Every structure is written in C-alpha cells, then in structure tokens.
C-alpha cells in the first residue's frame, strides 16, 4: 500500500475514533517496519520497550514525540525531532506549550507543535508523516491506550519515566534510536557538572525530605526517585519515609510506583521529623502557605527556615531541568 493510501486510511480511522483517550496503562502488539511512513534508509533493529517489541528504522529522520516529558530527552541527544506534543498553558511552559527548560532549544531547531493536550491527535500526527513515534507509558501524557493506533501510523516506542532516573531513560532511548553516542555525551557533561558542584558545596548535616503539597495528601519523593537520586549525587541524604504512613494503595497507582509515596497531611510530623524540606515544582506562595499551616509551623525545618525551592521545572526531570536543579542546590549551599 502506498503512503498516500495508507495515510488516508489512517486519517479516516482517526476521525472515526476522535473520542479515544490517552490515559491509563496497557501493553501493545509488535509492529513491523512496514508500518512506517516514509521509509528510512538502512536495516532496522528490534527494540523492546514498555509497549512490546517494535522494528525501528536504523536511522529515523522524522521523529514525533507524543510525550512532552520525553521531548527534553530527545532534544538533549540531538535526535531528529520534527514535532512534539504540547501542554495547555501553565507556569512551567512557554507560549507553545513546551516545557520552559528546553523550549528555546526546540524553537531554535524548528520543532513544531504536533497538538496540544494529553490526548494524542491521531490525524495531526499522521499528517506529519513520522518515521518513528516516541511516547510515554506513565503520567499524564501516557499513550498506552492508543499505542496500537499510533503504531498504524509509524513504528512507536513508549516508555515509563516514573521508575528510573533521567540518565537511565536517556540511555535507553538513545540505544533504541541508535544515538548511544549522543546520549552518553550529554550524561557525561552532566556528571562532570555534578562533580564540580558537589566539590564546591557543603552538604547539610540534616536529612532532606522531597515533597509536593496537595490539598488532601502529600506526595513524598523516595531516595530512588529521579529527584532523590539527583540530590544524593550531590552528597545530600534523602530521608526514608517511616513505614506505615503511606495512604491507600489505589492512591499510589495500585502501589506500583517506587518514586513517590502519598502521605496524609496529618502525618507531616512523623513523615519529616528534623529533615530539611525541599519543595518540588511549587511557587513561593505555595511554600509560604504550606509553612503557615498549623501542623507545619512546629516542624524544625520551618522554625529554622530550612525550606528550599527546587524550581517549577523540578518535577519532570531531563538533562535541562536536572542541570537547573543542580545549579539551584549549588546556590543554596555554596561556600557554607
């Protein structure tokens, strides 16, 4: 089947299925290289990912990201990215809906907005004629439920990003795309920067607690979270949450997540103890409001003013945002 006929069929199917959502989890079936449009040069490779196993072009030239979270990883390794999902307006994105930590890089390289929102726009993606689609299998931009339909447009890879560091994810994607050298280069540059910052700061003696503040519960980042691993690499000690404080399993995605544990607000004293508090992706007002709450006011960290803002871009970590967080930590403790 020619690309024109195939694209027309995909477009018709996409219009008929406009109500499809991109939330939830799920697997996917193996797709072969014949589904790609247009074809890339060279033999392909079989890639195992969180949706199954997919035949990927040896040197893809037209990659579309359906995960704004993974777009930063692709940009950092200089993948041939032509378009990306964008998000609705918020303090962490630019006017295009791209994350602020890498939006200038995307604009400079001519990356288009594929669509806005968390539901993949299948007809718009098909119109971009990708030879490879990269998406996520977790989070708000989870594309698992439409993986099969995406695979009809082009070979599709999807990855979870909530259970490993950004470096491991970058390495995994780099290998899948044949961009191992680019992935290794950016990680080496980052590691060198971390070594320099670690040598220049005096890490605090107290443990640290990484958290977000929500109305009904407090997601606490564990030492194995991407944020926890980042701060550990700088010599900080991330607090292990005492057992028995987590809320019900269904609030923690069936207990599947290892990076964050939700804690009820009444347990803040037990959860944080004497730890310094590091806030992930909050405004100054958010932090001030949290510190003013009755249960928070008596925390040693609040009394001693050991509250640290990691920045609005500290939730979805990639090379760009991780570097920003490292620089902020350097500002907190340099010369102490």
C-alpha atoms as a PDB file:
ATOM      1  CA  UNK A   1       0.000   0.000   0.000  1.00  0.00           C
ATOM      2  CA  UNK A   2       1.365   3.439  -0.934  1.00  0.00           C
ATOM      3  CA  UNK A   3       1.921   6.041   1.742  1.00  0.00           C
ATOM      4  CA  UNK A   4      -0.878   8.228   0.320  1.00  0.00           C
ATOM      5  CA  UNK A   5      -3.461   5.441   0.518  1.00  0.00           C
ATOM      6  CA  UNK A   6      -2.186   4.302   3.930  1.00  0.00           C
ATOM      7  CA  UNK A   7      -2.242   7.842   5.348  1.00  0.00           C
ATOM      8  CA  UNK A   8      -5.782   8.343   4.036  1.00  0.00           C
ATOM      9  CA  UNK A   9      -6.911   5.158   5.769  1.00  0.00           C
ATOM     10  CA  UNK A  10      -5.245   6.214   9.000  1.00  0.00           C
ATOM     11  CA  UNK A  11      -6.843   9.657   8.805  1.00  0.00           C
ATOM     12  CA  UNK A  12     -10.295   8.179   8.260  1.00  0.00           C
ATOM     13  CA  UNK A  13      -9.860   5.811  11.192  1.00  0.00           C
ATOM     14  CA  UNK A  14      -8.587   8.616  13.404  1.00  0.00           C
ATOM     15  CA  UNK A  15     -11.578  10.842  12.640  1.00  0.00           C
ATOM     16  CA  UNK A  16     -13.954   7.982  13.429  1.00  0.00           C
ATOM     17  CA  UNK A  17     -12.155   7.396  16.726  1.00  0.00           C
ATOM     18  CA  UNK A  18     -11.855  11.016  17.851  1.00  0.00           C
ATOM     19  CA  UNK A  19     -13.162  10.162  21.316  1.00  0.00           C
ATOM     20  CA  UNK A  20     -10.207   7.934  22.192  1.00  0.00           C
ATOM     21  CA  UNK A  21      -8.272   8.877  25.369  1.00  0.00           C
ATOM     22  CA  UNK A  22      -4.597   8.622  26.248  1.00  0.00           C
ATOM     23  CA  UNK A  23      -4.833   7.848  29.978  1.00  0.00           C
ATOM     24  CA  UNK A  24      -4.249   4.613  31.868  1.00  0.00           C
ATOM     25  CA  UNK A  25      -1.860   1.769  31.303  1.00  0.00           C
ATOM     26  CA  UNK A  26      -1.687  -1.071  28.867  1.00  0.00           C
ATOM     27  CA  UNK A  27       0.519  -3.040  26.582  1.00  0.00           C
ATOM     28  CA  UNK A  28       0.776  -3.175  22.848  1.00  0.00           C
ATOM     29  CA  UNK A  29       1.392  -5.573  19.995  1.00  0.00           C
ATOM     30  CA  UNK A  30       4.571  -5.871  17.970  1.00  0.00           C
ATOM     31  CA  UNK A  31       4.587  -3.744  14.791  1.00  0.00           C
ATOM     32  CA  UNK A  32       6.998  -4.163  11.905  1.00  0.00           C
ATOM     33  CA  UNK A  33       8.841  -1.651   9.810  1.00  0.00           C
ATOM     34  CA  UNK A  34       6.283  -1.808   7.023  1.00  0.00           C
ATOM     35  CA  UNK A  35       4.034   0.430   9.134  1.00  0.00           C
ATOM     36  CA  UNK A  36       6.497   3.315   8.875  1.00  0.00           C
ATOM     37  CA  UNK A  37       5.958   6.270   6.559  1.00  0.00           C
ATOM     38  CA  UNK A  38       8.108   7.355   4.872  1.00  0.00           C
ATOM     39  CA  UNK A  39      10.780   4.645   4.906  1.00  0.00           C
ATOM     40  CA  UNK A  40      14.209   5.352   6.424  1.00  0.00           C
ATOM     41  CA  UNK A  41      17.480   4.137   4.964  1.00  0.00           C
ATOM     42  CA  UNK A  42      19.312   1.105   6.322  1.00  0.00           C
ATOM     43  CA  UNK A  43      18.216  -2.032   8.107  1.00  0.00           C
ATOM     44  CA  UNK A  44      16.106  -1.669  11.217  1.00  0.00           C
ATOM     45  CA  UNK A  45      16.521  -3.019  14.723  1.00  0.00           C
ATOM     46  CA  UNK A  46      14.163  -4.780  17.113  1.00  0.00           C
ATOM     47  CA  UNK A  47      13.574  -2.671  20.203  1.00  0.00           C
ATOM     48  CA  UNK A  48      11.968  -3.902  23.407  1.00  0.00           C
ATOM     49  CA  UNK A  49      10.022  -1.190  25.221  1.00  0.00           C
ATOM     50  CA  UNK A  50       7.065  -0.826  27.579  1.00  0.00           C
ATOM     51  CA  UNK A  51       4.553  -1.421  24.792  1.00  0.00           C
ATOM     52  CA  UNK A  52       6.139  -4.584  23.404  1.00  0.00           C
ATOM     53  CA  UNK A  53       8.772  -5.110  20.706  1.00  0.00           C
ATOM     54  CA  UNK A  54       8.967  -2.861  17.655  1.00  0.00           C
ATOM     55  CA  UNK A  55      11.042  -2.782  14.473  1.00  0.00           C
ATOM     56  CA  UNK A  56      12.670   0.659  14.422  1.00  0.00           C
ATOM     57  CA  UNK A  57      14.362   2.245  11.380  1.00  0.00           C
ATOM     58  CA  UNK A  58      18.145   2.174  11.591  1.00  0.00           C
ATOM     59  CA  UNK A  59      18.354   5.959  11.198  1.00  0.00           C
ATOM     60  CA  UNK A  60      14.964   7.602  11.751  1.00  0.00           C
ATOM     61  CA  UNK A  61      14.722  11.072  10.235  1.00  0.00           C
ATOM     62  CA  UNK A  62      11.256  12.289  11.241  1.00  0.00           C
ATOM     63  CA  UNK A  63      10.553  11.604  14.914  1.00  0.00           C
ATOM     64  CA  UNK A  64       7.368  12.838  16.564  1.00  0.00           C
ATOM     65  CA  UNK A  65       7.148  12.912  20.352  1.00  0.00           C
ATOM     66  CA  UNK A  66       3.717  12.294  21.854  1.00  0.00           C
ATOM     67  CA  UNK A  67       5.141  12.875  25.333  1.00  0.00           C
ATOM     68  CA  UNK A  68       6.218  16.393  26.230  1.00  0.00           C
ATOM     69  CA  UNK A  69       8.047  14.764  29.157  1.00  0.00           C
ATOM     70  CA  UNK A  70      10.270  12.740  26.817  1.00  0.00           C
ATOM     71  CA  UNK A  71      10.836  15.579  24.363  1.00  0.00           C
ATOM     72  CA  UNK A  72      13.630  17.001  26.520  1.00  0.00           C
ATOM     73  CA  UNK A  73      15.462  13.671  26.411  1.00  0.00           C
ATOM     74  CA  UNK A  74      15.217  13.590  22.610  1.00  0.00           C
ATOM     75  CA  UNK A  75      16.450  17.162  22.256  1.00  0.00           C
ATOM     76  CA  UNK A  76      19.390  16.593  24.585  1.00  0.00           C
ATOM     77  CA  UNK A  77      20.723  13.712  22.496  1.00  0.00           C
ATOM     78  CA  UNK A  78      20.056  15.703  19.296  1.00  0.00           C
ATOM     79  CA  UNK A  79      17.507  13.277  17.883  1.00  0.00           C
ATOM     80  CA  UNK A  80      15.893  14.307  14.564  1.00  0.00           C
ATOM     81  CA  UNK A  81      12.725  15.542  16.254  1.00  0.00           C
ATOM     82  CA  UNK A  82      10.258  17.333  13.977  1.00  0.00           C
ATOM     83  CA  UNK A  83       7.290  17.799  16.316  1.00  0.00           C
ATOM     84  CA  UNK A  84       6.146  17.301  19.893  1.00  0.00           C
ATOM     85  CA  UNK A  85       3.039  17.181  21.979  1.00  0.00           C
ATOM     86  CA  UNK A  86       2.485  20.444  23.852  1.00  0.00           C
ATOM     87  CA  UNK A  87       0.563  21.096  27.056  1.00  0.00           C
ATOM     88  CA  UNK A  88      -2.159  23.609  27.948  1.00  0.00           C
ATOM     89  CA  UNK A  89      -0.989  26.954  29.402  1.00  0.00           C
ATOM     90  CA  UNK A  90       0.699  26.783  32.807  1.00  0.00           C
ATOM     91  CA  UNK A  91       3.592  28.448  34.673  1.00  0.00           C
ATOM     92  CA  UNK A  92       6.016  25.718  33.532  1.00  0.00           C
ATOM     93  CA  UNK A  93       5.551  26.056  29.752  1.00  0.00           C
ATOM     94  CA  UNK A  94       6.142  28.691  27.087  1.00  0.00           C
ATOM     95  CA  UNK A  95       3.559  30.104  24.683  1.00  0.00           C
ATOM     96  CA  UNK A  96       3.857  26.983  22.513  1.00  0.00           C
ATOM     97  CA  UNK A  97       3.111  24.669  25.428  1.00  0.00           C
ATOM     98  CA  UNK A  98       6.715  23.411  25.565  1.00  0.00           C
ATOM     99  CA  UNK A  99       8.497  22.995  28.911  1.00  0.00           C
ATOM    100  CA  UNK A 100      10.413  26.153  29.710  1.00  0.00           C
ATOM    101  CA  UNK A 101      13.704  24.351  30.456  1.00  0.00           C
ATOM    102  CA  UNK A 102      14.140  23.348  26.817  1.00  0.00           C
ATOM    103  CA  UNK A 103      11.651  25.465  24.875  1.00  0.00           C
ATOM    104  CA  UNK A 104      14.355  27.738  23.437  1.00  0.00           C
ATOM    105  CA  UNK A 105      16.230  24.682  22.109  1.00  0.00           C
ATOM    106  CA  UNK A 106      13.049  23.348  20.486  1.00  0.00           C
ATOM    107  CA  UNK A 107      12.311  26.685  18.824  1.00  0.00           C
ATOM    108  CA  UNK A 108      15.884  27.015  17.589  1.00  0.00           C
ATOM    109  CA  UNK A 109      15.696  23.568  15.976  1.00  0.00           C
ATOM    110  CA  UNK A 110      12.322  24.223  14.378  1.00  0.00           C
ATOM    111  CA  UNK A 111      10.343  21.654  16.369  1.00  0.00           C
ATOM    112  CA  UNK A 112       6.653  22.005  15.546  1.00  0.00           C
ATOM    113  CA  UNK A 113       3.702  21.691  17.899  1.00  0.00           C
ATOM    114  CA  UNK A 114       2.117  18.370  16.956  1.00  0.00           C
ATOM    115  CA  UNK A 115      -1.001  19.061  19.048  1.00  0.00           C
ATOM    116  CA  UNK A 116      -1.893  20.483  22.448  1.00  0.00           C
ATOM    117  CA  UNK A 117      -3.326  18.461  25.302  1.00  0.00           C
ATOM    118  CA  UNK A 118      -2.849  14.970  26.691  1.00  0.00           C
ATOM    119  CA  UNK A 119      -4.970  13.106  24.143  1.00  0.00           C
ATOM    120  CA  UNK A 120      -2.915  12.252  21.054  1.00  0.00           C
ATOM    121  CA  UNK A 121      -4.436  13.840  17.939  1.00  0.00           C
ATOM    122  CA  UNK A 122      -4.043  10.891  15.599  1.00  0.00           C
ATOM    123  CA  UNK A 123      -4.906  12.688  12.371  1.00  0.00           C
ATOM    124  CA  UNK A 124      -2.446  15.510  13.102  1.00  0.00           C
ATOM    125  CA  UNK A 125       0.298  13.030  13.944  1.00  0.00           C
ATOM    126  CA  UNK A 126      -0.332  11.130  10.702  1.00  0.00           C
ATOM    127  CA  UNK A 127      -0.186  14.396   8.765  1.00  0.00           C
ATOM    128  CA  UNK A 128       3.377  14.960   9.995  1.00  0.00           C
ATOM    129  CA  UNK A 129       4.479  11.752   8.231  1.00  0.00           C
ATOM    130  CA  UNK A 130       6.756  10.480  11.025  1.00  0.00           C
ATOM    131  CA  UNK A 131       9.016   7.511  10.530  1.00  0.00           C
ATOM    132  CA  UNK A 132       9.100   6.972  14.313  1.00  0.00           C
ATOM    133  CA  UNK A 133       6.857   7.979  17.214  1.00  0.00           C
ATOM    134  CA  UNK A 134       8.134   8.145  20.801  1.00  0.00           C
ATOM    135  CA  UNK A 135       5.752   8.371  23.756  1.00  0.00           C
ATOM    136  CA  UNK A 136       5.311   7.603  27.413  1.00  0.00           C
ATOM    137  CA  UNK A 137       3.690   4.715  29.272  1.00  0.00           C
ATOM    138  CA  UNK A 138       3.096   6.625  32.516  1.00  0.00           C
ATOM    139  CA  UNK A 139       1.975  10.004  33.779  1.00  0.00           C
ATOM    140  CA  UNK A 140      -0.479  12.496  32.335  1.00  0.00           C
ATOM    141  CA  UNK A 141       0.905  12.006  28.805  1.00  0.00           C
ATOM    142  CA  UNK A 142       0.552   8.209  28.925  1.00  0.00           C
ATOM    143  CA  UNK A 143      -0.121   6.961  25.379  1.00  0.00           C
ATOM    144  CA  UNK A 144      -0.595   3.282  26.228  1.00  0.00           C
ATOM    145  CA  UNK A 145      -4.276   3.114  25.312  1.00  0.00           C
ATOM    146  CA  UNK A 146      -3.656   4.403  21.796  1.00  0.00           C
ATOM    147  CA  UNK A 147      -0.382   2.589  21.251  1.00  0.00           C
ATOM    148  CA  UNK A 148      -1.881   0.260  18.631  1.00  0.00           C
ATOM    149  CA  UNK A 149      -3.365   3.170  16.682  1.00  0.00           C
ATOM    150  CA  UNK A 150      -0.127   5.122  16.836  1.00  0.00           C
ATOM    151  CA  UNK A 151       1.698   2.046  15.564  1.00  0.00           C
ATOM    152  CA  UNK A 152      -0.528   2.069  12.469  1.00  0.00           C
ATOM    153  CA  UNK A 153       0.894   5.496  11.620  1.00  0.00           C
ATOM    154  CA  UNK A 154       4.568   4.673  12.264  1.00  0.00           C
ATOM    155  CA  UNK A 155       6.708   2.397  14.463  1.00  0.00           C
ATOM    156  CA  UNK A 156       6.044   3.508  18.034  1.00  0.00           C
ATOM    157  CA  UNK A 157       8.096   3.236  21.233  1.00  0.00           C
ATOM    158  CA  UNK A 158       6.633   4.005  24.654  1.00  0.00           C
ATOM    159  CA  UNK A 159       8.487   4.193  27.959  1.00  0.00           C
ATOM    160  CA  UNK A 160       7.645   4.676  31.609  1.00  0.00           C
ATOM    161  CA  UNK A 161       9.532   7.573  33.148  1.00  0.00           C
ATOM    162  CA  UNK A 162       8.400   7.298  36.770  1.00  0.00           C
ATOM    163  CA  UNK A 163      10.573   4.365  37.799  1.00  0.00           C
ATOM    164  CA  UNK A 164      14.104   5.306  36.712  1.00  0.00           C
ATOM    165  CA  UNK A 165      16.487   8.230  36.572  1.00  0.00           C
ATOM    166  CA  UNK A 166      16.522  10.596  33.607  1.00  0.00           C
ATOM    167  CA  UNK A 167      20.022   9.313  32.782  1.00  0.00           C
ATOM    168  CA  UNK A 168      18.825   5.705  32.568  1.00  0.00           C
ATOM    169  CA  UNK A 169      15.869   6.767  30.428  1.00  0.00           C
ATOM    170  CA  UNK A 170      18.090   8.828  28.132  1.00  0.00           C
ATOM    171  CA  UNK A 171      20.443   5.859  27.765  1.00  0.00           C
ATOM    172  CA  UNK A 172      17.549   3.521  26.987  1.00  0.00           C
ATOM    173  CA  UNK A 173      16.039   5.808  24.352  1.00  0.00           C
ATOM    174  CA  UNK A 174      19.449   6.580  22.877  1.00  0.00           C
ATOM    175  CA  UNK A 175      20.131   2.885  22.367  1.00  0.00           C
ATOM    176  CA  UNK A 176      16.713   2.372  20.781  1.00  0.00           C
ATOM    177  CA  UNK A 177      17.303   5.211  18.305  1.00  0.00           C
ATOM    178  CA  UNK A 178      20.922   4.368  17.503  1.00  0.00           C
ATOM    179  CA  UNK A 179      22.011   7.560  19.269  1.00  0.00           C
ATOM    180  CA  UNK A 180      24.083   5.957  22.009  1.00  0.00           C
ATOM    181  CA  UNK A 181      26.933   8.411  21.480  1.00  0.00           C
ATOM    182  CA  UNK A 182      24.668  11.436  21.826  1.00  0.00           C
ATOM    183  CA  UNK A 183      23.065  10.069  24.985  1.00  0.00           C
ATOM    184  CA  UNK A 184      26.455   9.227  26.517  1.00  0.00           C
ATOM    185  CA  UNK A 185      27.833  12.672  25.663  1.00  0.00           C
ATOM    186  CA  UNK A 186      25.054  14.580  27.407  1.00  0.00           C
ATOM    187  CA  UNK A 187      25.214  12.349  30.502  1.00  0.00           C
ATOM    188  CA  UNK A 188      28.993  12.731  30.697  1.00  0.00           C
ATOM    189  CA  UNK A 189      28.640  16.523  30.513  1.00  0.00           C
ATOM    190  CA  UNK A 190      26.033  16.466  33.271  1.00  0.00           C
ATOM    191  CA  UNK A 191      28.070  14.143  35.504  1.00  0.00           C
ATOM    192  CA  UNK A 192      31.075  16.438  35.192  1.00  0.00           C
ATOM    193  CA  UNK A 193      28.930  19.386  36.272  1.00  0.00           C
ATOM    194  CA  UNK A 194      27.594  17.418  39.253  1.00  0.00           C
ATOM    195  CA  UNK A 195      31.141  16.551  40.337  1.00  0.00           C
ATOM    196  CA  UNK A 196      32.155  20.196  40.204  1.00  0.00           C
ATOM    197  CA  UNK A 197      29.126  21.356  42.194  1.00  0.00           C
ATOM    198  CA  UNK A 198      29.497  18.592  44.778  1.00  0.00           C
ATOM    199  CA  UNK A 199      33.095  19.641  45.387  1.00  0.00           C
ATOM    200  CA  UNK A 200      32.077  23.292  45.758  1.00  0.00           C
ATOM    201  CA  UNK A 201      29.240  22.926  48.293  1.00  0.00           C
ATOM    202  CA  UNK A 202      28.939  21.849  51.900  1.00  0.00           C
ATOM    203  CA  UNK A 203      26.032  19.423  52.135  1.00  0.00           C
ATOM    204  CA  UNK A 204      23.709  19.925  55.134  1.00  0.00           C
ATOM    205  CA  UNK A 205      24.002  17.546  58.069  1.00  0.00           C
ATOM    206  CA  UNK A 206      20.258  17.017  58.324  1.00  0.00           C
ATOM    207  CA  UNK A 207      18.381  14.624  56.123  1.00  0.00           C
ATOM    208  CA  UNK A 208      16.238  16.166  53.442  1.00  0.00           C
ATOM    209  CA  UNK A 209      12.634  15.422  52.529  1.00  0.00           C
ATOM    210  CA  UNK A 210      11.438  15.916  48.964  1.00  0.00           C
ATOM    211  CA  UNK A 211       7.770  16.706  48.610  1.00  0.00           C
ATOM    212  CA  UNK A 212       4.855  18.276  46.849  1.00  0.00           C
ATOM    213  CA  UNK A 213       1.914  19.824  48.673  1.00  0.00           C
ATOM    214  CA  UNK A 214      -1.615  18.835  47.664  1.00  0.00           C
ATOM    215  CA  UNK A 215      -4.886  19.652  49.463  1.00  0.00           C
ATOM    216  CA  UNK A 216      -5.585  16.127  50.755  1.00  0.00           C
ATOM    217  CA  UNK A 217      -2.212  14.358  50.731  1.00  0.00           C
ATOM    218  CA  UNK A 218       1.498  14.998  50.335  1.00  0.00           C
ATOM    219  CA  UNK A 219       3.405  13.055  47.683  1.00  0.00           C
ATOM    220  CA  UNK A 220       6.856  12.365  49.178  1.00  0.00           C
ATOM    221  CA  UNK A 221       9.703  11.506  46.796  1.00  0.00           C
ATOM    222  CA  UNK A 222      11.731   8.459  47.781  1.00  0.00           C
ATOM    223  CA  UNK A 223      15.529   8.099  47.551  1.00  0.00           C
ATOM    224  CA  UNK A 224      15.067   6.071  44.342  1.00  0.00           C
ATOM    225  CA  UNK A 225      13.076   8.811  42.625  1.00  0.00           C
ATOM    226  CA  UNK A 226      14.825  10.839  39.944  1.00  0.00           C
ATOM    227  CA  UNK A 227      14.872  13.821  42.298  1.00  0.00           C
ATOM    228  CA  UNK A 228      16.145  11.690  45.159  1.00  0.00           C
ATOM    229  CA  UNK A 229      18.955  10.285  43.040  1.00  0.00           C
ATOM    230  CA  UNK A 230      19.919  13.779  41.885  1.00  0.00           C
ATOM    231  CA  UNK A 231      20.252  15.150  45.417  1.00  0.00           C
ATOM    232  CA  UNK A 232      22.051  12.014  46.601  1.00  0.00           C
ATOM    233  CA  UNK A 233      24.602  12.507  43.818  1.00  0.00           C
ATOM    234  CA  UNK A 234      25.368  15.927  45.328  1.00  0.00           C
ATOM    235  CA  UNK A 235      26.054  14.408  48.743  1.00  0.00           C
ATOM    236  CA  UNK A 236      22.693  15.146  50.381  1.00  0.00           C
ATOM    237  CA  UNK A 237      20.932  12.480  52.476  1.00  0.00           C
ATOM    238  CA  UNK A 238      17.347  11.828  51.343  1.00  0.00           C
ATOM    239  CA  UNK A 239      15.076  10.738  54.183  1.00  0.00           C
ATOM    240  CA  UNK A 240      13.491   7.311  54.062  1.00  0.00           C
ATOM    241  CA  UNK A 241       9.794   7.569  54.871  1.00  0.00           C
ATOM    242  CA  UNK A 242       8.943   5.745  58.143  1.00  0.00           C
ATOM    243  CA  UNK A 243       6.788   2.665  57.454  1.00  0.00           C
ATOM    244  CA  UNK A 244       3.029   2.787  57.800  1.00  0.00           C
ATOM    245  CA  UNK A 245       2.493   6.422  56.811  1.00  0.00           C
ATOM    246  CA  UNK A 246       1.506   5.927  53.209  1.00  0.00           C
ATOM    247  CA  UNK A 247      -2.116   6.334  52.172  1.00  0.00           C
ATOM    248  CA  UNK A 248      -4.133   3.608  50.430  1.00  0.00           C
ATOM    249  CA  UNK A 249      -2.586   1.701  47.527  1.00  0.00           C
ATOM    250  CA  UNK A 250      -5.141   2.925  44.980  1.00  0.00           C
ATOM    251  CA  UNK A 251      -3.916   6.475  45.576  1.00  0.00           C
ATOM    252  CA  UNK A 252      -0.442   5.293  44.652  1.00  0.00           C
ATOM    253  CA  UNK A 253      -1.345   3.778  41.259  1.00  0.00           C
ATOM    254  CA  UNK A 254      -2.017   0.378  42.749  1.00  0.00           C
ATOM    255  CA  UNK A 255       1.189   0.540  44.739  1.00  0.00           C
ATOM    256  CA  UNK A 256       3.214   0.291  41.509  1.00  0.00           C
ATOM    257  CA  UNK A 257       5.210   3.485  41.924  1.00  0.00           C
ATOM    258  CA  UNK A 258       8.503   3.452  43.782  1.00  0.00           C
ATOM    259  CA  UNK A 259       9.379   7.106  43.232  1.00  0.00           C
ATOM    260  CA  UNK A 260       6.604   8.769  45.251  1.00  0.00           C
ATOM    261  CA  UNK A 261       4.616   7.767  48.329  1.00  0.00           C
ATOM    262  CA  UNK A 262       1.490   9.750  49.266  1.00  0.00           C
ATOM    263  CA  UNK A 263       1.256  10.728  52.948  1.00  0.00           C
ATOM    264  CA  UNK A 264      -1.826  12.069  54.716  1.00  0.00           C
ATOM    265  CA  UNK A 265      -1.485  15.689  55.820  1.00  0.00           C
ATOM    266  CA  UNK A 266      -1.972  14.771  59.494  1.00  0.00           C
ATOM    267  CA  UNK A 267       1.249  12.734  59.367  1.00  0.00           C
ATOM    268  CA  UNK A 268       3.655  15.526  58.387  1.00  0.00           C
ATOM    269  CA  UNK A 269       5.466  15.493  61.760  1.00  0.00           C
ATOM    270  CA  UNK A 270       6.159  11.758  61.607  1.00  0.00           C
ATOM    271  CA  UNK A 271       6.982  11.851  57.911  1.00  0.00           C
ATOM    272  CA  UNK A 272       9.506  14.702  58.005  1.00  0.00           C
ATOM    273  CA  UNK A 273      10.980  14.684  61.520  1.00  0.00           C
ATOM    274  CA  UNK A 274      14.000  17.015  61.600  1.00  0.00           C
ATOM    275  CA  UNK A 275      14.571  16.865  57.839  1.00  0.00           C
ATOM    276  CA  UNK A 276      15.028  19.971  55.733  1.00  0.00           C
ATOM    277  CA  UNK A 277      12.189  20.371  53.252  1.00  0.00           C
ATOM    278  CA  UNK A 278      12.808  20.545  49.510  1.00  0.00           C
ATOM    279  CA  UNK A 279       9.735  21.530  47.507  1.00  0.00           C
ATOM    280  CA  UNK A 280       9.338  20.107  44.009  1.00  0.00           C
ATOM    281  CA  UNK A 281       7.629  22.358  41.437  1.00  0.00           C
ATOM    282  CA  UNK A 282       5.994  24.965  43.660  1.00  0.00           C
ATOM    283  CA  UNK A 283       5.693  28.726  43.704  1.00  0.00           C
ATOM    284  CA  UNK A 284       6.971  30.762  46.648  1.00  0.00           C
ATOM    285  CA  UNK A 285       3.356  31.338  47.680  1.00  0.00           C
ATOM    286  CA  UNK A 286       2.709  27.581  47.711  1.00  0.00           C
ATOM    287  CA  UNK A 287       5.675  27.088  50.045  1.00  0.00           C
ATOM    288  CA  UNK A 288       4.739  30.003  52.309  1.00  0.00           C
ATOM    289  CA  UNK A 289       1.150  28.759  52.555  1.00  0.00           C
ATOM    290  CA  UNK A 290       2.303  25.247  53.473  1.00  0.00           C
ATOM    291  CA  UNK A 291       4.683  26.524  56.154  1.00  0.00           C
ATOM    292  CA  UNK A 292       1.885  28.580  57.704  1.00  0.00           C
ATOM    293  CA  UNK A 293      -0.412  25.587  58.267  1.00  0.00           C
ATOM    294  CA  UNK A 294      -0.938  24.547  61.926  1.00  0.00           C
ATOM    295  CA  UNK A 295       0.732  21.130  61.626  1.00  0.00           C
ATOM    296  CA  UNK A 296       3.669  22.573  59.710  1.00  0.00           C
ATOM    297  CA  UNK A 297       4.524  25.548  61.893  1.00  0.00           C
ATOM    298  CA  UNK A 298       6.143  23.387  64.566  1.00  0.00           C
ATOM    299  CA  UNK A 299       8.363  21.443  62.173  1.00  0.00           C
ATOM    300  CA  UNK A 300      12.076  22.062  62.874  1.00  0.00           C
ATOM    301  CA  UNK A 301      12.647  22.859  59.202  1.00  0.00           C
ATOM    302  CA  UNK A 302      10.021  25.615  59.309  1.00  0.00           C
ATOM    303  CA  UNK A 303      11.323  27.072  62.573  1.00  0.00           C
ATOM    304  CA  UNK A 304      14.928  27.018  61.332  1.00  0.00           C
ATOM    305  CA  UNK A 305      13.997  28.283  57.847  1.00  0.00           C
ATOM    306  CA  UNK A 306      15.323  25.164  56.161  1.00  0.00           C
ATOM    307  CA  UNK A 307      12.837  25.322  53.290  1.00  0.00           C
ATOM    308  CA  UNK A 308      14.225  25.059  49.755  1.00  0.00           C
ATOM    309  CA  UNK A 309      12.539  25.687  46.423  1.00  0.00           C
ATOM    310  CA  UNK A 310      13.855  23.353  43.705  1.00  0.00           C
ATOM    311  CA  UNK A 311      12.030  25.289  40.985  1.00  0.00           C
ATOM    312  CA  UNK A 312       8.931  24.913  38.853  1.00  0.00           C
ATOM    313  CA  UNK A 313      10.806  22.677  36.397  1.00  0.00           C
ATOM    314  CA  UNK A 314      11.934  20.162  39.023  1.00  0.00           C
ATOM    315  CA  UNK A 315       9.087  17.666  38.607  1.00  0.00           C
ATOM    316  CA  UNK A 316       9.748  16.316  35.093  1.00  0.00           C
ATOM    317  CA  UNK A 317      13.493  15.803  35.037  1.00  0.00           C
ATOM    318  CA  UNK A 318      15.559  15.671  31.874  1.00  0.00           C
ATOM    319  CA  UNK A 319      19.054  16.936  31.132  1.00  0.00           C
ATOM    320  CA  UNK A 320      17.895  20.548  31.023  1.00  0.00           C
ATOM    321  CA  UNK A 321      15.771  20.643  34.179  1.00  0.00           C
ATOM    322  CA  UNK A 322      18.180  18.418  36.130  1.00  0.00           C
ATOM    323  CA  UNK A 323      21.002  20.846  35.353  1.00  0.00           C
ATOM    324  CA  UNK A 324      18.822  23.722  36.570  1.00  0.00           C
ATOM    325  CA  UNK A 325      18.120  21.881  39.838  1.00  0.00           C
ATOM    326  CA  UNK A 326      21.826  21.174  40.373  1.00  0.00           C
ATOM    327  CA  UNK A 327      22.572  24.871  39.905  1.00  0.00           C
ATOM    328  CA  UNK A 328      19.877  25.826  42.430  1.00  0.00           C
ATOM    329  CA  UNK A 329      21.305  23.431  45.010  1.00  0.00           C
ATOM    330  CA  UNK A 330      24.708  24.974  44.366  1.00  0.00           C
ATOM    331  CA  UNK A 331      23.177  28.334  45.208  1.00  0.00           C
ATOM    332  CA  UNK A 332      21.693  27.004  48.459  1.00  0.00           C
ATOM    333  CA  UNK A 333      24.901  25.530  49.898  1.00  0.00           C
ATOM    334  CA  UNK A 334      27.859  27.012  48.054  1.00  0.00           C
ATOM    335  CA  UNK A 335      30.510  28.305  50.416  1.00  0.00           C
ATOM    336  CA  UNK A 336      28.810  27.049  53.586  1.00  0.00           C
END
